Amino acid sequence: MTGATIDHMISLTILIAALLVAMMTFNGLFATAVDYDRNRQVANKAVDLINTICLSPGNPADWGKTNDALLGFGLQDPDVGGYALSPYSLMRLNTVSDGNPLVYYGGTDTYYNNISTSYGYGILTPIGDCVNYTTAAELLGINGTYGFSFEITPTLDVSISQVSTEPLTLNVQVSGSGLPLSGATVTSHLFEIDTNDLSITWHPNVTLTDGSGSADIIFNDIDYANPVYSFTAYVSLGGLHGVGHHICNTISDDEFIVPLVEDFENGSLILTHIWEIENPGEPAAVFYNAAFFILTSNFNVQEYDLDCSGHLTFGEGFNYVPTQIPPSEVGLLIVSYKANNEVGSIIVPWGIGALGVSASYNSGLGSGDYDFVATELRQVTIDNISYQVKVSTWKLGS
């Protein structure tokens, strides 16, 4: 009996151990299945979100051109369709973050969103007309369920540097995915600033990049030591398009005119001086002249007469001047200015694709605390410029 009892106990122990191992294995398989199903849901949601963002114009379809409240979120350009995003809807995104904070201007008692992070290259938009992250999440039907972010960046990298001034020579270097683009067409525009009357003269040029993706552009009629100008280069090759820009001023980097959006629907802007927004200086006057250049589909420009010039006095209360651009025309606003016999210019886009501005849209918290983040990529165009959209999605809660 003793031997049989021992055998039974050993058998029972083995059976219990086998059951425990089986249960642990089953629990592991079950947990893996649950994780797989949750991750599959997140991946499917990422596809849904990027398709909604890229292939729906939202409601109303032209919300980027108006001051209307948004009823449905989407960034597709309703005039083009397909994977083309609206340059105006992107201007109405609230992209405020730690690295890109709100800008307050006391002259209008308004906070502004700065999508470009640099005063000299972007028009500041009133935060009350911008769509914040929470509103977008609610309109997409994921608020409290999924978190998301998206980044919109140019596909091509176009860098510009000044090689010499006598004559003025600029080098354009083009690359895509780290590789140089040879044989690309470069359509460039130099906006020369007259240092006396601040008039803006436009110099067009078309050339090709060499085997290293480089092109030198020489302006023989500009041959002096300290030219002041804004320069853009639009690059095309095999259906891909990119843009780069460069500015040369004789005035310091912390003195310039700042455009602020007053009304999206009619293209109303106001111009003020940076010292009225930050770092107030001694009372002084700055002379200015503004011009708007409409960007055509083949990257040529047409000048639009703003009839906007004069002088601003700052440091003694708030002072700004109104101007108006054609609200439905993608283009470049160029403002030349002079203070203390030093001259500068800024170049800012109406429609972010005109200068290849990047945009990042998120809650400010990021996705680093989540185990699984699904990403989707799409190739799109904005103002005919090639961009890549990356949407990241994660599950909120347990």
Protein backbone atom coordinates (compact mmCIF):
# COMPACT_ATOMS: atom_id res chain seq x y z
CA MET A 1 0.00 0.00 0.00
CA THR A 2 2.82 2.40 0.85
CA GLY A 3 4.42 2.03 -2.60
CA ALA A 4 1.06 2.51 -4.35
CA THR A 5 0.33 5.63 -2.29
CA ILE A 6 3.67 7.11 -3.19
CA ASP A 7 3.02 6.37 -6.88
CA HIS A 8 -0.36 8.06 -6.66
CA MET A 9 1.14 11.14 -4.99
CA ILE A 10 3.87 11.38 -7.58
CA SER A 11 1.32 11.00 -10.38
CA LEU A 12 -0.92 13.64 -8.80
CA THR A 13 2.03 16.02 -8.44
CA ILE A 14 2.99 15.52 -12.07
CA LEU A 15 -0.63 16.07 -13.13
CA ILE A 16 -0.90 19.30 -11.12
CA ALA A 17 2.43 20.54 -12.51
CA ALA A 18 1.29 19.73 -16.04
CA LEU A 19 -1.99 21.59 -15.45
CA LEU A 20 -0.11 24.60 -14.10
CA VAL A 21 2.23 24.63 -17.07
CA ALA A 22 -0.74 24.30 -19.43
CA MET A 23 -2.57 27.14 -17.67
CA MET A 24 0.49 29.39 -17.79
CA THR A 25 0.98 28.59 -21.45
CA PHE A 26 -2.69 29.26 -22.16
CA ASN A 27 -2.60 32.54 -20.22
CA GLY A 28 0.48 33.60 -22.18
CA LEU A 29 -1.18 32.69 -25.46
CA PHE A 30 -4.37 34.46 -24.38
CA ALA A 31 -2.45 37.60 -23.37
CA THR A 32 -0.58 37.52 -26.68
CA ALA A 33 -3.87 37.17 -28.53
CA VAL A 34 -5.36 40.09 -26.62
CA ASP A 35 -2.30 42.24 -27.35
CA TYR A 36 -2.40 41.25 -31.00
CA ASP A 37 -6.09 42.13 -31.29
CA ARG A 38 -5.58 45.50 -29.53
CA ASN A 39 -2.58 46.33 -31.70
CA ARG A 40 -4.52 45.33 -34.82
CA GLN A 41 -7.30 47.71 -33.78
CA VAL A 42 -4.76 50.50 -33.30
CA ALA A 43 -3.19 49.78 -36.69
CA ASN A 44 -6.61 49.82 -38.37
CA LYS A 45 -7.45 53.09 -36.62
CA ALA A 46 -4.19 54.61 -37.91
CA VAL A 47 -5.26 53.73 -41.47
CA ASP A 48 -8.72 55.21 -40.88
CA LEU A 49 -7.25 58.42 -39.47
CA ILE A 50 -4.72 59.05 -42.24
CA ASN A 51 -7.38 58.37 -44.89
CA THR A 52 -9.80 60.77 -43.19
CA ILE A 53 -7.14 63.46 -42.77
CA CYS A 54 -5.78 63.18 -46.32
CA LEU A 55 -8.88 62.23 -48.34
CA SER A 56 -11.57 64.34 -46.68
CA PRO A 57 -11.73 68.15 -46.90
CA GLY A 58 -13.72 68.37 -43.68
CA ASN A 59 -16.96 70.23 -43.15
CA PRO A 60 -17.39 72.86 -44.47
CA ALA A 61 -15.12 71.85 -47.35
CA ASP A 62 -13.57 75.33 -47.61
CA TRP A 63 -13.13 75.85 -43.85
CA GLY A 64 -9.48 76.83 -44.31
CA LYS A 65 -10.51 79.92 -46.31
CA THR A 66 -13.12 81.12 -43.83
CA ASN A 67 -13.58 82.02 -40.20
CA ASP A 68 -16.35 79.42 -39.82
CA ALA A 69 -16.47 76.85 -37.03
CA LEU A 70 -15.34 73.35 -38.05
CA LEU A 71 -17.97 70.58 -38.12
CA GLY A 72 -15.85 67.79 -39.62
CA PHE A 73 -12.06 67.43 -39.63
CA GLY A 74 -10.09 66.81 -42.83
CA LEU A 75 -7.22 68.48 -44.71
CA GLN A 76 -7.83 67.52 -48.35
CA ASP A 77 -7.80 70.33 -50.89
CA PRO A 78 -11.41 70.35 -52.21
CA ASP A 79 -10.32 72.06 -55.43
CA VAL A 80 -7.80 69.33 -56.32
CA GLY A 81 -8.92 66.10 -54.63
CA GLY A 82 -6.88 62.92 -54.17
CA TYR A 83 -3.82 63.13 -51.95
CA ALA A 84 -3.58 66.92 -52.14
CA LEU A 85 -3.87 68.89 -48.90
CA SER A 86 -5.32 72.36 -48.53
CA PRO A 87 -2.62 74.99 -47.89
CA TYR A 88 -5.20 77.14 -46.11
CA SER A 89 -6.61 74.50 -43.72
CA LEU A 90 -3.08 73.81 -42.49
CA MET A 91 -2.72 77.49 -41.60
CA ARG A 92 -5.67 77.13 -39.22
CA LEU A 93 -4.17 74.30 -37.14
CA ASN A 94 -3.24 75.11 -33.56
CA THR A 95 0.37 73.89 -33.47
CA VAL A 96 1.24 75.36 -30.06
CA SER A 97 3.85 73.33 -28.16
CA ASP A 98 6.74 73.87 -25.77
CA GLY A 99 9.04 74.62 -28.70
CA ASN A 100 6.44 76.70 -30.53
CA PRO A 101 4.55 78.79 -27.94
CA LEU A 102 1.75 81.29 -28.38
CA VAL A 103 2.61 84.86 -29.35
CA TYR A 104 0.72 87.70 -27.66
CA TYR A 105 0.33 91.12 -29.25
CA GLY A 106 -1.06 93.84 -27.05
CA GLY A 107 -2.01 96.07 -29.98
CA THR A 108 -4.90 93.74 -30.81
CA ASP A 109 -5.11 92.02 -27.39
CA THR A 110 -4.86 88.69 -29.22
CA TYR A 111 -2.83 85.50 -28.93
CA TYR A 112 -1.38 84.13 -32.18
CA ASN A 113 -0.25 80.72 -33.35
CA ASN A 114 3.09 80.60 -35.18
CA ILE A 115 3.12 77.48 -37.37
CA SER A 116 6.64 78.09 -38.72
CA THR A 117 8.41 78.81 -35.36
CA SER A 118 10.27 81.67 -37.04
CA TYR A 119 8.85 85.19 -37.26
CA GLY A 120 10.64 85.89 -40.50
CA TYR A 121 9.08 83.04 -42.47
CA GLY A 122 5.48 82.64 -41.29
CA ILE A 123 2.30 84.61 -40.85
CA LEU A 124 0.95 84.45 -37.32
CA THR A 125 -2.69 83.36 -37.10
CA PRO A 126 -5.15 84.31 -34.30
CA ILE A 127 -5.50 81.39 -31.92
CA GLY A 128 -9.28 81.86 -31.70
CA ASP A 129 -9.62 80.92 -35.38
CA CYS A 130 -7.37 77.87 -35.09
CA VAL A 131 -8.49 74.26 -34.55
CA ASN A 132 -6.98 72.74 -31.42
CA TYR A 133 -6.09 69.09 -30.82
CA THR A 134 -9.07 68.29 -28.61
CA THR A 135 -11.55 69.61 -31.17
CA ALA A 136 -9.90 67.61 -33.95
CA ALA A 137 -9.99 64.42 -31.83
CA GLU A 138 -13.69 64.93 -31.07
CA LEU A 139 -14.53 65.51 -34.72
CA LEU A 140 -12.56 62.40 -35.67
CA GLY A 141 -14.54 60.40 -33.08
CA ILE A 142 -11.51 59.25 -31.05
CA ASN A 143 -11.42 61.64 -28.09
CA GLY A 144 -10.64 59.64 -24.94
CA THR A 145 -10.21 56.39 -26.92
CA TYR A 146 -7.17 56.89 -29.13
CA GLY A 147 -4.34 59.37 -29.16
CA PHE A 148 -2.85 60.58 -32.42
CA SER A 149 -0.34 62.97 -33.90
CA PHE A 150 0.75 63.80 -37.39
CA GLU A 151 3.77 65.39 -39.01
CA ILE A 152 3.83 66.96 -42.47
CA THR A 153 7.32 67.43 -43.93
CA PRO A 154 8.65 68.21 -47.43
CA THR A 155 9.86 65.18 -49.40
CA LEU A 156 12.83 66.98 -50.96
CA ASP A 157 15.53 68.86 -49.09
CA VAL A 158 16.46 72.10 -50.86
CA SER A 159 19.28 74.07 -49.20
CA ILE A 160 20.55 77.44 -50.42
CA SER A 161 23.76 79.32 -49.64
CA GLN A 162 25.38 82.49 -50.89
CA VAL A 163 28.66 81.82 -52.70
CA SER A 164 29.73 85.38 -53.59
CA THR A 165 28.37 88.92 -53.98
CA GLU A 166 30.37 90.33 -56.91
CA PRO A 167 28.52 89.13 -58.90
CA LEU A 168 25.83 87.70 -56.63
CA THR A 169 26.01 83.90 -56.83
CA LEU A 170 23.75 81.49 -54.97
CA ASN A 171 24.17 77.74 -54.72
CA VAL A 172 21.14 75.43 -54.62
CA GLN A 173 21.66 71.88 -53.34
CA VAL A 174 18.86 69.32 -53.80
CA SER A 175 18.52 65.89 -52.22
CA GLY A 176 15.81 63.35 -51.56
CA SER A 177 16.06 60.56 -48.95
CA GLY A 178 19.70 61.52 -48.47
CA LEU A 179 20.64 61.19 -52.14
CA PRO A 180 21.42 64.12 -54.50
CA LEU A 181 18.98 64.81 -57.34
CA SER A 182 20.80 65.35 -60.62
CA GLY A 183 19.08 66.84 -63.64
CA ALA A 184 16.38 68.53 -61.58
CA THR A 185 14.82 71.74 -62.93
CA VAL A 186 15.36 74.71 -60.62
CA THR A 187 12.94 77.63 -61.10
CA SER A 188 14.22 80.43 -58.90
CA HIS A 189 13.16 83.96 -58.04
CA LEU A 190 15.39 86.62 -56.55
CA PHE A 191 13.53 89.55 -54.96
CA GLU A 192 16.13 92.31 -54.81
CA ILE A 193 15.53 95.12 -52.31
CA ASP A 194 16.56 98.66 -53.25
CA THR A 195 18.33 100.00 -50.16
CA ASN A 196 17.17 103.57 -50.91
CA ASP A 197 13.44 103.41 -51.64
CA LEU A 198 12.80 99.77 -50.53
CA SER A 199 11.33 98.86 -53.92
CA ILE A 200 11.36 95.15 -54.79
CA THR A 201 12.71 93.99 -58.16
CA TRP A 202 12.05 90.43 -59.29
CA HIS A 203 14.76 88.40 -61.10
CA PRO A 204 13.63 84.98 -62.48
CA ASN A 205 15.96 82.14 -63.48
CA VAL A 206 15.66 78.53 -64.67
CA THR A 207 18.53 76.05 -64.58
CA LEU A 208 19.35 72.36 -63.96
CA THR A 209 21.24 70.62 -61.15
CA ASP A 210 24.46 68.78 -61.97
CA GLY A 211 25.40 65.21 -61.07
CA SER A 212 25.84 66.13 -57.41
CA GLY A 213 22.40 67.77 -57.18
CA SER A 214 23.95 71.25 -57.14
CA ALA A 215 23.33 74.37 -59.21
CA ASP A 216 25.06 77.77 -59.09
CA ILE A 217 22.82 80.70 -60.05
CA ILE A 218 24.65 83.86 -61.06
CA PHE A 219 23.05 87.32 -61.20
CA ASN A 220 25.50 89.41 -63.23
CA ASP A 221 23.44 92.59 -62.87
CA ILE A 222 23.80 92.48 -59.06
CA ASP A 223 27.44 93.21 -58.44
CA TYR A 224 28.07 94.98 -55.14
CA ALA A 225 29.24 94.06 -51.67
CA ASN A 226 26.08 94.11 -49.53
CA PRO A 227 22.96 93.13 -51.47
CA VAL A 228 19.63 92.75 -49.66
CA TYR A 229 17.23 90.16 -51.05
CA SER A 230 14.84 87.27 -50.55
CA PHE A 231 15.35 84.20 -52.72
CA THR A 232 13.22 81.14 -53.50
CA ALA A 233 14.06 78.04 -55.53
CA TYR A 234 11.41 75.55 -56.72
CA VAL A 235 12.79 72.18 -57.79
CA SER A 236 11.10 69.58 -60.03
CA LEU A 237 12.16 66.08 -61.06
CA GLY A 238 10.13 63.01 -62.00
CA GLY A 239 6.87 64.28 -60.52
CA LEU A 240 8.50 65.38 -57.24
CA HIS A 241 8.63 69.07 -56.34
CA GLY A 242 10.42 70.88 -53.54
CA VAL A 243 11.22 74.42 -52.45
CA GLY A 244 13.90 76.26 -50.50
CA HIS A 245 14.42 79.89 -49.55
CA HIS A 246 17.17 82.21 -48.37
CA ILE A 247 17.29 85.79 -47.04
CA CYS A 248 20.18 88.26 -46.91
CA ASN A 249 19.80 91.43 -44.79
CA THR A 250 22.09 94.15 -43.49
CA ILE A 251 19.91 94.72 -40.42
CA SER A 252 20.20 92.58 -37.27
CA ASP A 253 18.14 89.40 -36.93
CA ASP A 254 16.05 90.74 -34.04
CA GLU A 255 14.61 93.69 -35.99
CA PHE A 256 11.92 93.01 -38.54
CA ILE A 257 8.32 93.52 -39.56
CA VAL A 258 5.80 90.89 -38.40
CA PRO A 259 2.58 90.12 -40.37
CA LEU A 260 -0.45 89.08 -38.29
CA VAL A 261 -3.64 87.58 -39.74
CA GLU A 262 -6.71 89.67 -38.98
CA ASP A 263 -9.30 87.84 -41.09
CA PHE A 264 -8.87 84.62 -43.12
CA GLU A 265 -11.95 85.13 -45.25
CA ASN A 266 -10.93 88.43 -46.85
CA GLY A 267 -7.15 88.14 -46.51
CA SER A 268 -6.81 91.02 -44.05
CA LEU A 269 -3.39 91.33 -42.40
CA ILE A 270 -1.71 93.85 -40.15
CA LEU A 271 1.99 94.70 -40.11
CA THR A 272 3.82 95.63 -36.94
CA HIS A 273 7.39 95.60 -35.61
CA ILE A 274 8.85 92.73 -33.63
CA TRP A 275 9.79 95.07 -30.78
CA GLU A 276 6.10 95.65 -30.14
CA ILE A 277 5.73 91.92 -29.47
CA GLU A 278 8.91 91.25 -27.54
CA ASN A 279 12.09 92.97 -26.40
CA PRO A 280 10.77 96.57 -26.48
CA GLY A 281 13.43 99.02 -27.58
CA GLU A 282 13.80 102.77 -27.62
CA PRO A 283 11.14 104.69 -29.59
CA ALA A 284 12.08 104.68 -33.26
CA ALA A 285 10.62 104.55 -36.77
CA VAL A 286 10.94 101.88 -39.40
CA PHE A 287 10.12 102.42 -43.09
CA TYR A 288 8.51 99.54 -44.98
CA ASN A 289 7.25 98.44 -48.39
CA ALA A 290 5.13 95.30 -48.96
CA ALA A 291 4.45 93.32 -52.14
CA PHE A 292 2.56 90.09 -52.79
CA PHE A 293 3.58 87.60 -55.48
CA ILE A 294 1.03 85.02 -56.62
CA LEU A 295 2.56 81.57 -57.17
CA THR A 296 1.34 79.85 -60.36
CA SER A 297 1.02 76.09 -60.90
CA ASN A 298 4.34 75.95 -62.80
CA PHE A 299 6.15 77.88 -60.00
CA ASN A 300 6.32 81.23 -61.75
CA VAL A 301 5.18 84.34 -59.91
CA GLN A 302 2.87 87.23 -60.74
CA GLU A 303 3.09 90.47 -58.77
CA TYR A 304 -0.06 91.71 -57.06
CA ASP A 305 -0.06 95.42 -56.26
CA LEU A 306 -0.67 95.90 -52.54
CA ASP A 307 -0.01 99.63 -52.49
CA CYS A 308 1.33 99.17 -48.98
CA SER A 309 4.27 101.35 -47.90
CA GLY A 310 5.08 103.98 -45.31
CA HIS A 311 6.59 104.01 -41.85
CA LEU A 312 5.82 102.56 -38.44
CA THR A 313 6.65 104.25 -35.16
CA PHE A 314 7.18 101.84 -32.30
CA GLY A 315 8.04 102.20 -28.65
CA GLU A 316 5.29 104.78 -27.97
CA GLY A 317 2.13 102.71 -27.64
CA PHE A 318 1.06 100.12 -30.17
CA ASN A 319 1.22 100.97 -33.84
CA TYR A 320 0.39 98.78 -36.83
CA VAL A 321 -0.82 99.16 -40.40
CA PRO A 322 -3.46 97.10 -42.26
CA THR A 323 -3.06 95.50 -45.66
CA GLN A 324 -4.99 92.97 -47.70
CA ILE A 325 -3.90 90.14 -49.97
CA PRO A 326 -6.05 88.00 -52.32
CA PRO A 327 -7.25 85.32 -49.86
CA SER A 328 -7.69 82.51 -52.40
CA GLU A 329 -4.32 82.92 -54.11
CA VAL A 330 -1.31 80.97 -52.89
CA GLY A 331 1.71 83.23 -52.85
CA LEU A 332 4.53 85.04 -51.09
CA LEU A 333 4.26 88.21 -49.05
CA ILE A 334 7.56 90.10 -49.12
CA VAL A 335 8.10 93.07 -46.84
CA SER A 336 11.21 95.24 -47.14
CA TYR A 337 12.06 97.62 -44.30
CA LYS A 338 14.70 100.09 -43.16
CA ALA A 339 15.77 101.36 -39.74
CA ASN A 340 18.87 103.39 -38.91
CA ASN A 341 20.03 103.12 -42.55
CA GLU A 342 20.05 99.33 -42.32
CA VAL A 343 17.79 97.32 -44.62
CA GLY A 344 16.12 93.95 -44.40
CA SER A 345 13.28 91.88 -45.79
CA ILE A 346 11.05 89.02 -44.76
CA ILE A 347 9.33 86.46 -46.97
CA VAL A 348 6.24 84.70 -45.65
CA PRO A 349 3.85 82.24 -47.33
CA TRP A 350 0.11 82.51 -47.79
CA GLY A 351 -0.48 78.78 -47.94
CA ILE A 352 2.29 76.81 -46.24
CA GLY A 353 3.42 74.94 -49.36
CA ALA A 354 4.62 78.16 -50.98
CA LEU A 355 7.76 78.00 -48.80
CA GLY A 356 7.77 74.31 -47.88
CA VAL A 357 6.84 74.94 -44.25
CA SER A 358 6.61 71.82 -42.07
CA ALA A 359 3.76 71.27 -39.61
CA SER A 360 3.44 69.10 -36.49
CA TYR A 361 0.10 68.50 -34.78
CA ASN A 362 -0.17 66.74 -31.42
CA SER A 363 -1.52 66.97 -27.88
CA GLY A 364 1.84 68.05 -26.49
CA LEU A 365 2.16 64.76 -24.53
CA GLY A 366 3.56 62.54 -27.28
CA SER A 367 3.39 58.75 -27.57
CA GLY A 368 6.46 57.72 -25.56
CA ASP A 369 4.47 56.20 -22.66
CA TYR A 370 2.59 53.69 -24.82
CA ASP A 371 3.80 50.16 -25.62
CA PHE A 372 2.45 50.09 -29.16
CA VAL A 373 2.22 52.98 -31.59
CA ALA A 374 1.00 52.41 -35.15
CA THR A 375 2.28 54.69 -37.91
CA GLU A 376 1.05 55.26 -41.45
CA LEU A 377 2.77 57.23 -44.22
CA ARG A 378 1.30 58.89 -47.29
CA GLN A 379 2.86 60.93 -50.08
CA VAL A 380 0.82 64.09 -50.71
CA THR A 381 1.11 67.48 -52.38
CA ILE A 382 0.49 70.97 -50.99
CA ASP A 383 0.49 73.77 -53.58
CA ASN A 384 2.09 71.18 -55.93
CA ILE A 385 5.01 70.77 -53.49
CA SER A 386 5.69 67.13 -52.50
CA TYR A 387 5.17 66.32 -48.83
CA GLN A 388 5.10 63.24 -46.64
CA VAL A 389 2.40 62.80 -44.01
CA LYS A 390 3.12 60.57 -41.01
CA VAL A 391 0.23 59.71 -38.66
CA SER A 392 0.99 58.02 -35.33
CA THR A 393 -1.82 56.39 -33.32
CA TRP A 394 -2.01 54.71 -29.90
CA LYS A 395 -4.69 53.31 -27.56
CA LEU A 396 -5.62 55.31 -24.49
CA GLY A 397 -6.53 53.62 -21.21
CA SER A 398 -5.96 49.98 -20.18
